[in-house]
Amino acid sequence: MEVWTTQPLIESDIPAKVRWIVDRVTITLCGVIIIGNAMIILAGIINRDLRRKTSILVASLALADLLVGISISITYSLIMQNERSILVMLFAMIFAHFSGNSAIVHLAIIAADRFISVFSPLRYAAIKTKLHVVMVIFCWSFGLIAGVLAQDVIIYPGFQGVKMINYLNFMTYFSICVLYGALYGYIGFTARKHRNNIRSQVP
């Protein structure tokens, strides 16, 4: 098997103006992501009342998004430098997949949490804390598994693992988008149905 260590990550003939624009946009987005989520986490730590009212899922999502901003910064910096160290790129790839998949799964889990709270409020109140703990553990565990699988992409470019991680990423994002739309769509449909029923009863 061929182990990648020497191929540059980007082409050197990218126009300077395009590269300058991409650099500034990436830096700005990373800065907004990192600062915004860091402020959310810091506010929850400092403000006791906010900490009590904030769901553990929201706090966990803020942490995941913070790691996404950091991982994008690291990965983009390495790409711009055409980093060729296998260990450095291995860490960056695992970290990027870990944080990215954790963040996107958090969105689906929060949607599921909202769905349960709306359609089974009594049972939800009884199991809320335990349910949130299980959901958070699932999100981070999924991200960790995705990060570990991603090592095949950087070590073995021609390895079957590349197809597997690409397929995993596609199925993850596609499934979560479908689930996200289905849950919130059903909530919206039900709310609209109840609204119409109420209106029909008003003389």
C-alpha atoms as a PDB file:
ATOM      1  CA  MET A   1       0.000   0.000   0.000  1.00  0.00           C
ATOM      2  CA  GLU A   2       1.177   3.467  -0.828  1.00  0.00           C
ATOM      3  CA  VAL A   3       1.525   5.804   2.132  1.00  0.00           C
ATOM      4  CA  TRP A   4       1.036   9.480   1.330  1.00  0.00           C
ATOM      5  CA  THR A   5       3.751  11.780   2.676  1.00  0.00           C
ATOM      6  CA  THR A   6       4.922  13.990  -0.173  1.00  0.00           C
ATOM      7  CA  GLN A   7       2.014  15.175  -2.318  1.00  0.00           C
ATOM      8  CA  PRO A   8       1.057  18.809  -1.721  1.00  0.00           C
ATOM      9  CA  LEU A   9      -2.470  19.443  -0.553  1.00  0.00           C
ATOM     10  CA  ILE A  10      -3.174  22.395  -2.870  1.00  0.00           C
ATOM     11  CA  GLU A  11      -1.998  23.503  -6.258  1.00  0.00           C
ATOM     12  CA  SER A  12       0.573  26.287  -6.259  1.00  0.00           C
ATOM     13  CA  ASP A  13      -0.906  28.025  -9.316  1.00  0.00           C
ATOM     14  CA  ILE A  14      -4.001  29.364  -7.513  1.00  0.00           C
ATOM     15  CA  PRO A  15      -4.357  33.082  -8.358  1.00  0.00           C
ATOM     16  CA  ALA A  16      -3.049  35.310  -5.589  1.00  0.00           C
ATOM     17  CA  LYS A  17      -6.256  37.372  -5.467  1.00  0.00           C
ATOM     18  CA  VAL A  18      -8.459  34.292  -5.097  1.00  0.00           C
ATOM     19  CA  ARG A  19      -6.222  32.885  -2.419  1.00  0.00           C
ATOM     20  CA  TRP A  20      -6.243  36.237  -0.570  1.00  0.00           C
ATOM     21  CA  ILE A  21     -10.066  36.326  -0.595  1.00  0.00           C
ATOM     22  CA  VAL A  22     -10.384  32.723   0.538  1.00  0.00           C
ATOM     23  CA  ASP A  23      -7.879  33.331   3.319  1.00  0.00           C
ATOM     24  CA  ARG A  24      -9.768  36.350   4.659  1.00  0.00           C
ATOM     25  CA  VAL A  25     -13.182  34.669   4.455  1.00  0.00           C
ATOM     26  CA  THR A  26     -11.911  31.533   6.195  1.00  0.00           C
ATOM     27  CA  ILE A  27     -10.180  33.499   8.935  1.00  0.00           C
ATOM     28  CA  THR A  28     -13.310  35.602   9.516  1.00  0.00           C
ATOM     29  CA  LEU A  29     -15.628  32.603   9.680  1.00  0.00           C
ATOM     30  CA  CYS A  30     -13.319  30.730  12.032  1.00  0.00           C
ATOM     31  CA  GLY A  31     -13.034  33.792  14.250  1.00  0.00           C
ATOM     32  CA  VAL A  32     -16.804  34.231  14.430  1.00  0.00           C
ATOM     33  CA  ILE A  33     -17.350  30.532  15.188  1.00  0.00           C
ATOM     34  CA  ILE A  34     -14.687  30.390  17.889  1.00  0.00           C
ATOM     35  CA  ILE A  35     -15.520  33.708  19.595  1.00  0.00           C
ATOM     36  CA  GLY A  36     -19.290  33.208  19.439  1.00  0.00           C
ATOM     37  CA  ASN A  37     -19.294  29.720  20.932  1.00  0.00           C
ATOM     38  CA  ALA A  38     -16.592  30.581  23.450  1.00  0.00           C
ATOM     39  CA  MET A  39     -18.805  33.426  24.705  1.00  0.00           C
ATOM     40  CA  ILE A  40     -21.772  31.053  25.028  1.00  0.00           C
ATOM     41  CA  ILE A  41     -19.724  28.597  27.070  1.00  0.00           C
ATOM     42  CA  LEU A  42     -18.180  31.361  29.178  1.00  0.00           C
ATOM     43  CA  ALA A  43     -21.591  32.924  29.863  1.00  0.00           C
ATOM     44  CA  GLY A  44     -22.887  29.572  31.067  1.00  0.00           C
ATOM     45  CA  ILE A  45     -19.902  29.164  33.384  1.00  0.00           C
ATOM     46  CA  ILE A  46     -20.106  32.660  34.868  1.00  0.00           C
ATOM     47  CA  ASN A  47     -23.887  33.076  35.113  1.00  0.00           C
ATOM     48  CA  ARG A  48     -25.374  30.533  37.496  1.00  0.00           C
ATOM     49  CA  ASP A  49     -28.977  31.235  36.495  1.00  0.00           C
ATOM     50  CA  LEU A  50     -28.130  30.825  32.823  1.00  0.00           C
ATOM     51  CA  ARG A  51     -26.308  27.602  33.593  1.00  0.00           C
ATOM     52  CA  ARG A  52     -29.384  26.196  35.316  1.00  0.00           C
ATOM     53  CA  LYS A  53     -31.692  27.117  32.439  1.00  0.00           C
ATOM     54  CA  THR A  54     -29.362  26.042  29.637  1.00  0.00           C
ATOM     55  CA  SER A  55     -29.794  22.472  28.427  1.00  0.00           C
ATOM     56  CA  ILE A  56     -26.748  20.229  28.559  1.00  0.00           C
ATOM     57  CA  LEU A  57     -27.420  19.540  24.870  1.00  0.00           C
ATOM     58  CA  VAL A  58     -27.087  23.231  23.973  1.00  0.00           C
ATOM     59  CA  ALA A  59     -23.879  23.547  25.998  1.00  0.00           C
ATOM     60  CA  SER A  60     -22.489  20.416  24.361  1.00  0.00           C
ATOM     61  CA  LEU A  61     -23.410  21.760  20.907  1.00  0.00           C
ATOM     62  CA  ALA A  62     -21.608  25.034  21.689  1.00  0.00           C
ATOM     63  CA  LEU A  63     -18.491  23.063  22.650  1.00  0.00           C
ATOM     64  CA  ALA A  64     -18.724  20.973  19.465  1.00  0.00           C
ATOM     65  CA  ASP A  65     -19.082  24.105  17.319  1.00  0.00           C
ATOM     66  CA  LEU A  66     -16.113  25.669  19.115  1.00  0.00           C
ATOM     67  CA  LEU A  67     -14.015  22.628  18.232  1.00  0.00           C
ATOM     68  CA  VAL A  68     -15.240  22.861  14.632  1.00  0.00           C
ATOM     69  CA  GLY A  69     -13.918  26.424  14.406  1.00  0.00           C
ATOM     70  CA  ILE A  70     -10.586  25.383  15.897  1.00  0.00           C
ATOM     71  CA  SER A  71     -10.274  22.339  13.641  1.00  0.00           C
ATOM     72  CA  ILE A  72     -11.028  24.400  10.516  1.00  0.00           C
ATOM     73  CA  SER A  73      -8.355  26.903  11.549  1.00  0.00           C
ATOM     74  CA  ILE A  74      -5.774  24.187  12.087  1.00  0.00           C
ATOM     75  CA  THR A  75      -6.602  22.252   8.920  1.00  0.00           C
ATOM     76  CA  TYR A  76      -6.698  25.330   6.706  1.00  0.00           C
ATOM     77  CA  SER A  77      -3.380  26.568   8.088  1.00  0.00           C
ATOM     78  CA  LEU A  78      -1.781  23.207   7.321  1.00  0.00           C
ATOM     79  CA  ILE A  79      -3.242  23.207   3.810  1.00  0.00           C
ATOM     80  CA  MET A  80      -1.928  26.694   3.116  1.00  0.00           C
ATOM     81  CA  GLN A  81       1.524  25.582   4.251  1.00  0.00           C
ATOM     82  CA  ASN A  82       1.345  22.378   2.184  1.00  0.00           C
ATOM     83  CA  GLU A  83       2.083  20.408   5.315  1.00  0.00           C
ATOM     84  CA  ARG A  84       3.545  16.966   4.527  1.00  0.00           C
ATOM     85  CA  SER A  85       4.054  15.503   7.972  1.00  0.00           C
ATOM     86  CA  ILE A  86       1.973  12.344   8.197  1.00  0.00           C
ATOM     87  CA  LEU A  87       1.525  12.652  11.968  1.00  0.00           C
ATOM     88  CA  VAL A  88       0.440  16.292  11.844  1.00  0.00           C
ATOM     89  CA  MET A  89      -2.059  15.679   9.055  1.00  0.00           C
ATOM     90  CA  LEU A  90      -3.297  12.531  10.766  1.00  0.00           C
ATOM     91  CA  PHE A  91      -4.106  14.516  13.899  1.00  0.00           C
ATOM     92  CA  ALA A  92      -5.765  17.300  11.897  1.00  0.00           C
ATOM     93  CA  MET A  93      -7.893  14.839   9.903  1.00  0.00           C
ATOM     94  CA  ILE A  94      -9.065  12.947  12.978  1.00  0.00           C
ATOM     95  CA  PHE A  95      -9.767  16.172  14.863  1.00  0.00           C
ATOM     96  CA  ALA A  96     -11.711  17.691  11.950  1.00  0.00           C
ATOM     97  CA  HIS A  97     -13.910  14.627  11.439  1.00  0.00           C
ATOM     98  CA  PHE A  98     -14.401  14.214  15.175  1.00  0.00           C
ATOM     99  CA  SER A  99     -15.584  17.785  15.751  1.00  0.00           C
ATOM    100  CA  GLY A 100     -17.563  18.085  12.505  1.00  0.00           C
ATOM    101  CA  ASN A 101     -19.521  14.880  12.910  1.00  0.00           C
ATOM    102  CA  SER A 102     -20.125  15.572  16.603  1.00  0.00           C
ATOM    103  CA  ALA A 103     -21.582  18.988  15.785  1.00  0.00           C
ATOM    104  CA  ILE A 104     -23.889  17.787  13.015  1.00  0.00           C
ATOM    105  CA  VAL A 105     -25.180  14.873  15.098  1.00  0.00           C
ATOM    106  CA  HIS A 106     -25.921  17.307  17.930  1.00  0.00           C
ATOM    107  CA  LEU A 107     -28.365  19.134  15.647  1.00  0.00           C
ATOM    108  CA  ALA A 108     -30.286  15.943  14.905  1.00  0.00           C
ATOM    109  CA  ILE A 109     -30.307  14.930  18.565  1.00  0.00           C
ATOM    110  CA  ILE A 110     -31.622  18.340  19.635  1.00  0.00           C
ATOM    111  CA  ALA A 111     -34.367  18.025  17.015  1.00  0.00           C
ATOM    112  CA  ALA A 112     -35.261  14.596  18.441  1.00  0.00           C
ATOM    113  CA  ASP A 113     -35.254  16.083  21.948  1.00  0.00           C
ATOM    114  CA  ARG A 114     -37.676  18.816  20.876  1.00  0.00           C
ATOM    115  CA  PHE A 115     -39.886  16.205  19.215  1.00  0.00           C
ATOM    116  CA  ILE A 116     -40.076  14.069  22.363  1.00  0.00           C
ATOM    117  CA  SER A 117     -40.766  17.104  24.578  1.00  0.00           C
ATOM    118  CA  VAL A 118     -43.691  18.150  22.357  1.00  0.00           C
ATOM    119  CA  PHE A 119     -45.381  14.796  21.800  1.00  0.00           C
ATOM    120  CA  SER A 120     -44.632  13.126  25.132  1.00  0.00           C
ATOM    121  CA  PRO A 121     -44.291  15.959  27.653  1.00  0.00           C
ATOM    122  CA  LEU A 122     -45.124  13.999  30.808  1.00  0.00           C
ATOM    123  CA  ARG A 123     -42.690  11.180  30.133  1.00  0.00           C
ATOM    124  CA  TYR A 124     -40.109  13.675  28.854  1.00  0.00           C
ATOM    125  CA  ALA A 125     -40.147  15.563  32.154  1.00  0.00           C
ATOM    126  CA  ALA A 126     -39.438  12.352  34.042  1.00  0.00           C
ATOM    127  CA  ILE A 127     -36.515  11.189  31.900  1.00  0.00           C
ATOM    128  CA  LYS A 128     -35.154  14.553  30.711  1.00  0.00           C
ATOM    129  CA  THR A 129     -31.832  14.524  32.605  1.00  0.00           C
ATOM    130  CA  LYS A 130     -30.924  10.915  31.849  1.00  0.00           C
ATOM    131  CA  LEU A 131     -32.058  11.310  28.264  1.00  0.00           C
ATOM    132  CA  HIS A 132     -29.820  14.320  27.724  1.00  0.00           C
ATOM    133  CA  VAL A 133     -26.796  12.541  29.207  1.00  0.00           C
ATOM    134  CA  VAL A 134     -27.328   9.563  26.890  1.00  0.00           C
ATOM    135  CA  MET A 135     -27.775  11.877  23.901  1.00  0.00           C
ATOM    136  CA  VAL A 136     -24.565  13.790  24.644  1.00  0.00           C
ATOM    137  CA  ILE A 137     -22.578  10.573  25.057  1.00  0.00           C
ATOM    138  CA  PHE A 138     -23.961   9.311  21.735  1.00  0.00           C
ATOM    139  CA  CYS A 139     -23.015  12.518  19.896  1.00  0.00           C
ATOM    140  CA  TRP A 140     -19.406  12.521  21.073  1.00  0.00           C
ATOM    141  CA  SER A 141     -19.022   8.765  20.634  1.00  0.00           C
ATOM    142  CA  PHE A 142     -20.226   9.001  17.043  1.00  0.00           C
ATOM    143  CA  GLY A 143     -17.790  11.842  16.366  1.00  0.00           C
ATOM    144  CA  LEU A 144     -14.926   9.869  17.878  1.00  0.00           C
ATOM    145  CA  ILE A 145     -15.683   6.822  15.734  1.00  0.00           C
ATOM    146  CA  ALA A 146     -15.855   8.991  12.608  1.00  0.00           C
ATOM    147  CA  GLY A 147     -12.548  10.624  13.548  1.00  0.00           C
ATOM    148  CA  VAL A 148     -10.781   7.311  14.028  1.00  0.00           C
ATOM    149  CA  LEU A 149     -12.097   5.982  10.712  1.00  0.00           C
ATOM    150  CA  ALA A 150     -10.849   9.143   8.989  1.00  0.00           C
ATOM    151  CA  GLN A 151      -7.222   8.151   9.550  1.00  0.00           C
ATOM    152  CA  ASP A 152      -7.458   5.839   6.529  1.00  0.00           C
ATOM    153  CA  VAL A 153      -8.005   8.860   4.266  1.00  0.00           C
ATOM    154  CA  ILE A 154      -4.667  10.448   5.086  1.00  0.00           C
ATOM    155  CA  ILE A 155      -2.555   7.294   5.507  1.00  0.00           C
ATOM    156  CA  TYR A 156      -3.846   5.157   2.645  1.00  0.00           C
ATOM    157  CA  PRO A 157      -5.203   7.279  -0.252  1.00  0.00           C
ATOM    158  CA  GLY A 158      -5.902   4.181  -2.338  1.00  0.00           C
ATOM    159  CA  PHE A 159      -7.221   2.135   0.541  1.00  0.00           C
ATOM    160  CA  GLN A 160     -10.797   0.925   0.754  1.00  0.00           C
ATOM    161  CA  GLY A 161     -11.131   2.963   3.933  1.00  0.00           C
ATOM    162  CA  VAL A 162     -11.273   6.137   1.823  1.00  0.00           C
ATOM    163  CA  LYS A 163     -14.476   4.956   0.172  1.00  0.00           C
ATOM    164  CA  MET A 164     -15.833   3.865   3.528  1.00  0.00           C
ATOM    165  CA  ILE A 165     -15.277   7.239   5.264  1.00  0.00           C
ATOM    166  CA  ASN A 166     -16.654   9.135   2.252  1.00  0.00           C
ATOM    167  CA  TYR A 167     -19.719   6.914   2.261  1.00  0.00           C
ATOM    168  CA  LEU A 168     -20.046   7.327   6.029  1.00  0.00           C
ATOM    169  CA  ASN A 169     -19.850  11.114   5.758  1.00  0.00           C
ATOM    170  CA  PHE A 170     -22.432  11.215   2.969  1.00  0.00           C
ATOM    171  CA  MET A 171     -24.851   8.914   4.764  1.00  0.00           C
ATOM    172  CA  THR A 172     -24.374  10.799   8.029  1.00  0.00           C
ATOM    173  CA  TYR A 173     -25.133  14.223   6.576  1.00  0.00           C
ATOM    174  CA  PHE A 174     -27.925  12.957   4.333  1.00  0.00           C
ATOM    175  CA  SER A 175     -29.622  10.966   7.098  1.00  0.00           C
ATOM    176  CA  ILE A 176     -29.381  13.830   9.559  1.00  0.00           C
ATOM    177  CA  CYS A 177     -30.812  16.306   7.056  1.00  0.00           C
ATOM    178  CA  VAL A 178     -33.735  13.958   6.388  1.00  0.00           C
ATOM    179  CA  LEU A 179     -34.288  13.335  10.099  1.00  0.00           C
ATOM    180  CA  TYR A 180     -33.975  17.038  10.902  1.00  0.00           C
ATOM    181  CA  GLY A 181     -36.502  17.999   8.253  1.00  0.00           C
ATOM    182  CA  ALA A 182     -38.893  15.180   9.148  1.00  0.00           C
ATOM    183  CA  LEU A 183     -38.968  15.959  12.881  1.00  0.00           C
ATOM    184  CA  TYR A 184     -39.389  19.709  12.588  1.00  0.00           C
ATOM    185  CA  GLY A 185     -41.702  19.272   9.613  1.00  0.00           C
ATOM    186  CA  TYR A 186     -43.981  16.994  11.611  1.00  0.00           C
ATOM    187  CA  ILE A 187     -43.941  19.398  14.563  1.00  0.00           C
ATOM    188  CA  GLY A 188     -44.860  22.274  12.249  1.00  0.00           C
ATOM    189  CA  PHE A 189     -47.565  20.212  10.539  1.00  0.00           C
ATOM    190  CA  THR A 190     -49.100  19.240  13.874  1.00  0.00           C
ATOM    191  CA  ALA A 191     -48.992  22.818  15.165  1.00  0.00           C
ATOM    192  CA  ARG A 192     -50.711  24.071  12.022  1.00  0.00           C
ATOM    193  CA  LYS A 193     -53.345  21.344  12.286  1.00  0.00           C
ATOM    194  CA  HIS A 194     -54.157  22.310  15.873  1.00  0.00           C
ATOM    195  CA  ARG A 195     -54.288  25.975  14.903  1.00  0.00           C
ATOM    196  CA  ASN A 196     -56.797  25.233  12.158  1.00  0.00           C
ATOM    197  CA  ASN A 197     -58.894  23.152  14.560  1.00  0.00           C
ATOM    198  CA  ILE A 198     -58.946  25.986  17.055  1.00  0.00           C
ATOM    199  CA  ARG A 199     -59.907  28.510  14.390  1.00  0.00           C
ATOM    200  CA  SER A 200     -62.729  26.282  13.170  1.00  0.00           C
ATOM    201  CA  GLN A 201     -64.227  26.198  16.679  1.00  0.00           C
ATOM    202  CA  VAL A 202     -64.195  29.964  17.066  1.00  0.00           C
ATOM    203  CA  PRO A 203     -67.546  31.460  15.912  1.00  0.00           C
END
